[in-house]
Protein backbone atom coordinates (compact mmCIF):
# COMPACT_ATOMS: atom_id res chain seq x y z
CA UNK A 1 0.00 0.00 0.00
CA UNK A 2 2.78 2.44 0.89
CA UNK A 3 4.93 1.61 -2.13
CA UNK A 4 2.14 2.33 -4.63
CA UNK A 5 0.35 5.12 -2.77
CA UNK A 6 -2.86 3.20 -3.47
CA UNK A 7 -6.23 4.16 -2.08
CA UNK A 8 -7.60 1.50 0.24
CA UNK A 9 -10.36 0.52 -2.21
CA UNK A 10 -7.82 0.20 -5.00
CA UNK A 11 -5.92 -2.28 -2.86
CA UNK A 12 -9.12 -4.21 -2.04
CA UNK A 13 -9.95 -4.52 -5.74
CA UNK A 14 -6.53 -5.77 -6.89
CA UNK A 15 -6.52 -9.06 -8.74
CA UNK A 16 -3.58 -11.32 -9.53
CA UNK A 17 -3.65 -10.17 -13.17
CA UNK A 18 -3.04 -6.57 -12.05
CA UNK A 19 0.51 -7.37 -10.92
CA UNK A 20 3.55 -7.69 -13.16
CA UNK A 21 6.69 -8.81 -11.36
CA UNK A 22 8.86 -9.23 -14.47
CA UNK A 23 10.91 -6.24 -15.63
CA UNK A 24 9.70 -3.55 -15.41
CA UNK A 25 7.67 -4.50 -12.35
CA UNK A 26 4.42 -2.61 -11.93
CA UNK A 27 0.92 -2.76 -10.59
CA UNK A 28 -2.24 -1.66 -12.37
CA UNK A 29 -4.56 0.24 -10.06
CA UNK A 30 -8.15 1.05 -10.90
CA UNK A 31 -9.19 4.23 -9.13
CA UNK A 32 -12.02 6.70 -8.99
CA UNK A 33 -14.07 6.88 -12.16
CA UNK A 34 -12.77 3.43 -13.20
CA UNK A 35 -9.54 5.06 -14.38
CA UNK A 36 -6.52 2.81 -14.43
CA UNK A 37 -2.92 3.75 -13.87
CA UNK A 38 0.34 1.83 -13.82
CA UNK A 39 2.58 2.33 -10.82
CA UNK A 40 6.16 1.00 -10.76
CA UNK A 41 7.23 -1.25 -7.89
CA UNK A 42 10.56 -1.15 -6.06
CA UNK A 43 12.70 -4.27 -5.74
CA UNK A 44 11.84 -5.00 -2.09
CA UNK A 45 8.12 -4.89 -2.81
CA UNK A 46 8.57 -7.18 -5.82
CA UNK A 47 10.46 -9.66 -3.63
CA UNK A 48 7.73 -9.60 -0.95
CA UNK A 49 4.91 -9.90 -3.49
CA UNK A 50 6.62 -12.79 -5.27
CA UNK A 51 7.06 -14.71 -2.00
CA UNK A 52 3.45 -13.96 -0.96
CA UNK A 53 2.07 -15.06 -4.33
CA UNK A 54 4.14 -18.26 -4.35
CA UNK A 55 3.12 -19.08 -0.78
CA UNK A 56 -0.56 -18.65 -1.68
CA UNK A 57 -0.31 -20.46 -5.06
CA UNK A 58 -1.45 -17.35 -6.93
CA UNK A 59 0.79 -18.09 -9.94
CA UNK A 60 -1.23 -21.22 -10.81
CA UNK A 61 -3.34 -21.14 -13.96
CA UNK A 62 -6.90 -20.08 -13.29
CA UNK A 63 -5.99 -17.67 -10.49
CA UNK A 64 -5.58 -14.56 -12.67
CA UNK A 65 -8.94 -13.16 -11.55
CA UNK A 66 -8.50 -14.13 -7.90
CA UNK A 67 -8.14 -11.31 -5.39
CA UNK A 68 -4.50 -10.49 -4.72
CA UNK A 69 -5.14 -9.92 -1.01
CA UNK A 70 -7.78 -12.05 0.67
CA UNK A 71 -9.16 -13.11 4.05
CA UNK A 72 -9.37 -16.58 5.60
CA UNK A 73 -12.28 -17.50 3.29
CA UNK A 74 -10.20 -16.37 0.27
CA UNK A 75 -12.62 -13.48 -0.35
CA UNK A 76 -11.08 -10.14 -1.18
CA UNK A 77 -10.11 -8.01 1.78
CA UNK A 78 -12.48 -5.22 2.71
CA UNK A 79 -11.61 -1.67 3.72
CA UNK A 80 -12.37 -2.64 7.32
CA UNK A 81 -10.16 -5.72 7.05
CA UNK A 82 -7.23 -3.68 5.82
CA UNK A 83 -7.75 -1.09 8.56
CA UNK A 84 -7.85 -3.88 11.15
CA UNK A 85 -4.54 -5.31 9.90
CA UNK A 86 -2.89 -1.87 9.95
CA UNK A 87 -4.10 -1.17 13.50
CA UNK A 88 -2.91 -4.57 14.67
CA UNK A 89 0.62 -3.95 13.43
CA UNK A 90 0.74 -0.25 14.29
CA UNK A 91 0.34 -1.20 17.97
CA UNK A 92 3.37 -3.49 17.68
CA UNK A 93 5.39 -0.84 15.82
CA UNK A 94 4.43 1.89 18.28
CA UNK A 95 6.15 -0.04 21.08
CA UNK A 96 9.42 0.00 19.12
CA UNK A 97 9.19 3.26 17.15
CA UNK A 98 7.66 6.29 18.87
CA UNK A 99 7.16 8.25 15.63
CA UNK A 100 4.59 5.78 14.26
CA UNK A 101 1.11 7.36 14.44
CA UNK A 102 -1.07 5.80 17.12
CA UNK A 103 -3.94 5.62 14.61
CA UNK A 104 -2.43 4.21 11.43
CA UNK A 105 -4.94 4.36 8.59
CA UNK A 106 -4.65 3.45 4.92
CA UNK A 107 -4.77 7.14 4.02
CA UNK A 108 -1.86 7.88 6.38
CA UNK A 109 0.26 5.50 4.28
CA UNK A 110 -0.89 7.16 1.05
CA UNK A 111 -0.20 10.62 2.45
CA UNK A 112 3.20 9.53 3.81
CA UNK A 113 4.23 8.10 0.43
CA UNK A 114 3.29 11.31 -1.35
CA UNK A 115 5.11 13.48 1.21
CA UNK A 116 8.22 11.29 1.03
CA UNK A 117 8.23 11.48 -2.77
CA UNK A 118 7.84 15.26 -2.65
CA UNK A 119 10.58 15.65 -0.02
CA UNK A 120 12.86 13.52 -2.22
CA UNK A 121 12.46 15.96 -5.09
CA UNK A 122 9.93 14.04 -7.20
CA UNK A 123 7.96 16.40 -9.44
CA UNK A 124 4.36 17.10 -8.43
CA UNK A 125 3.32 15.98 -11.92
CA UNK A 126 4.76 12.50 -11.31
CA UNK A 127 3.26 12.35 -7.84
CA UNK A 128 -0.13 13.32 -9.31
CA UNK A 129 0.12 10.48 -11.83
CA UNK A 130 1.20 7.91 -9.24
CA UNK A 131 -1.59 8.89 -6.84
CA UNK A 132 -4.19 9.07 -9.60
CA UNK A 133 -5.20 12.66 -8.98
CA UNK A 134 -7.08 14.33 -11.83
CA UNK A 135 -6.07 17.85 -10.84
CA UNK A 136 -2.53 18.95 -9.92
CA UNK A 137 -4.10 21.28 -7.33
CA UNK A 138 -5.04 18.22 -5.27
CA UNK A 139 -1.43 17.04 -5.31
CA UNK A 140 -0.21 20.56 -4.54
CA UNK A 141 -1.64 20.27 -1.02
CA UNK A 142 1.35 18.06 -0.18
CA UNK A 143 3.76 20.81 -1.20
CA UNK A 144 1.93 23.34 0.96
CA UNK A 145 1.82 20.90 3.87
CA UNK A 146 5.56 20.36 3.59
CA UNK A 147 6.31 24.10 3.71
CA UNK A 148 4.06 24.49 6.74
CA UNK A 149 5.80 21.56 8.47
CA UNK A 150 9.20 23.16 7.87
CA UNK A 151 8.01 26.50 9.23
CA UNK A 152 6.66 24.87 12.39
CA UNK A 153 9.86 22.89 12.84
CA UNK A 154 11.94 26.05 12.64
CA UNK A 155 9.68 27.82 15.12
CA UNK A 156 10.05 24.89 17.53
CA UNK A 157 13.84 25.01 17.28
CA UNK A 158 14.12 28.74 17.96
CA UNK A 159 10.85 29.93 19.52
CA UNK A 160 12.40 33.10 21.01
CA UNK A 161 14.30 34.13 17.88
CA UNK A 162 11.50 36.36 16.59
CA UNK A 163 8.91 37.01 19.27
CA UNK A 164 5.56 37.95 17.76
CA UNK A 165 5.21 41.20 19.74
CA UNK A 166 8.46 42.73 18.44
CA UNK A 167 8.26 41.96 14.73
CA UNK A 168 9.06 45.07 12.66
CA UNK A 169 6.46 46.48 10.31
CA UNK A 170 8.19 46.29 6.93
CA UNK A 171 5.40 47.88 4.96
CA UNK A 172 6.22 51.30 6.48
CA UNK A 173 9.89 51.28 5.35
CA UNK A 174 9.63 53.07 2.00
CA UNK A 175 13.36 52.70 1.31
CA UNK A 176 13.11 48.92 1.63
CA UNK A 177 9.98 48.79 -0.50
CA UNK A 178 11.64 50.87 -3.23
CA UNK A 179 14.71 48.61 -3.14
CA UNK A 180 12.61 45.43 -3.40
CA UNK A 181 10.58 46.87 -6.26
CA UNK A 182 13.80 47.67 -8.14
CA UNK A 183 14.77 44.00 -8.13
Foldseek 3Di string as FASTA:
>chain_A
DLQLLEDLVQLLQAFQLQWDLPPQTWGWTQDPPRDIAIGTGDPVVSVVLVVLCVVVVCVDPPRRGQRSDADPVSHGDDQVRVQVVVQVVLVVVCVVDVPRDNRDHSNVSSLVSLLVCVVVPNDLVVNCRSNVPPDSVVSCVSVVVVVVVVVVVVCVVCVPPDDPVPDDDVVVPVVVVVVVVVD
